[in-house]
């Protein structure tokens, strides 16, 4: 058995379990690359990435760079790593960095490749109504998420899971898969398989991806809400005010309503779709705090609009 010297690249919270698992493994994490501090929150305070904070706690050297080029590439070349590992870093690995580690780079990706190649696989799987998802560890190649797969795991998608909860779960199980693959690469037993099946793409979500179209079928609306929660967030407009939808459910058995029509009764707030209505549970009106949908509705003016757009 041969331990490997690893350079790890990642940024969001979903990458932290992988970094922790690799640090606890038999291998040596020589450095961590993560994106630079960025302005966060209403006060726009400079904030480290979750991976940067985790690396500090683990006493690992940190390289902050928004592009895997220039200074970052030079630092990795100096370290002469055996393997590069990337998990949701937020940027592409190109030459000469791609071939700098002796064994190249592997990527933990939160989908069953080749389905949902790209930046938002978990979110896109939920929006599409997939019932099964998973994680894959594959060899990085110049083409997007197209390399041979060394290992994967499958996981059923729960009816009430959001992108946030599903990603949290996959981050933990994916970290275990990643370490198994790294061990196999070190031992010379890893075998890559060429990806097969239909390729689908998962581009990064934009703010407008959260805008609800109430003419769609209830299941499609519900899946979109789950897929964009917590970010960028599902929203609609009522009386020219943006209202973020935090929690909702399909109101099965209820009479149909015109798409976007809001009806309140028996303490429940329903909104019409292209099929059965949805019940809104928690909302976040612009300029206010998150609150129960019923409380928001009761606090609105009597003459206020009852149509969401």
Foldseek 3Di string as FASTA:
>chain_A
DDAWEEEEAAFAPLQLLLVVLQVPDPHHDQEYEAAAFWQDDPVGDGDGTPNVVSCVVVVHHYHHHPECDDPNQVVLLVVQTQEYEYEHRNYDDDPPSQVSHVPGYKYKAWFDPLEAFENQRLLVCLLVPPQKTWIWIFGDDPPGPFGFTQDIDMDTDDPFAASVVVSNVRSNVSSVVVVVQSVCVRVVNTDTHGTDDDHDYDYDDDLCLQEADQQDDPSSRSSSQRSQPPPPFHWWAWQNWIKGQHDKAFPPPDDADPRQFWDDDPLWIWGHGNYGIMTGAWMQIPPGGIDGPSVVVVPDDPPTDRGID
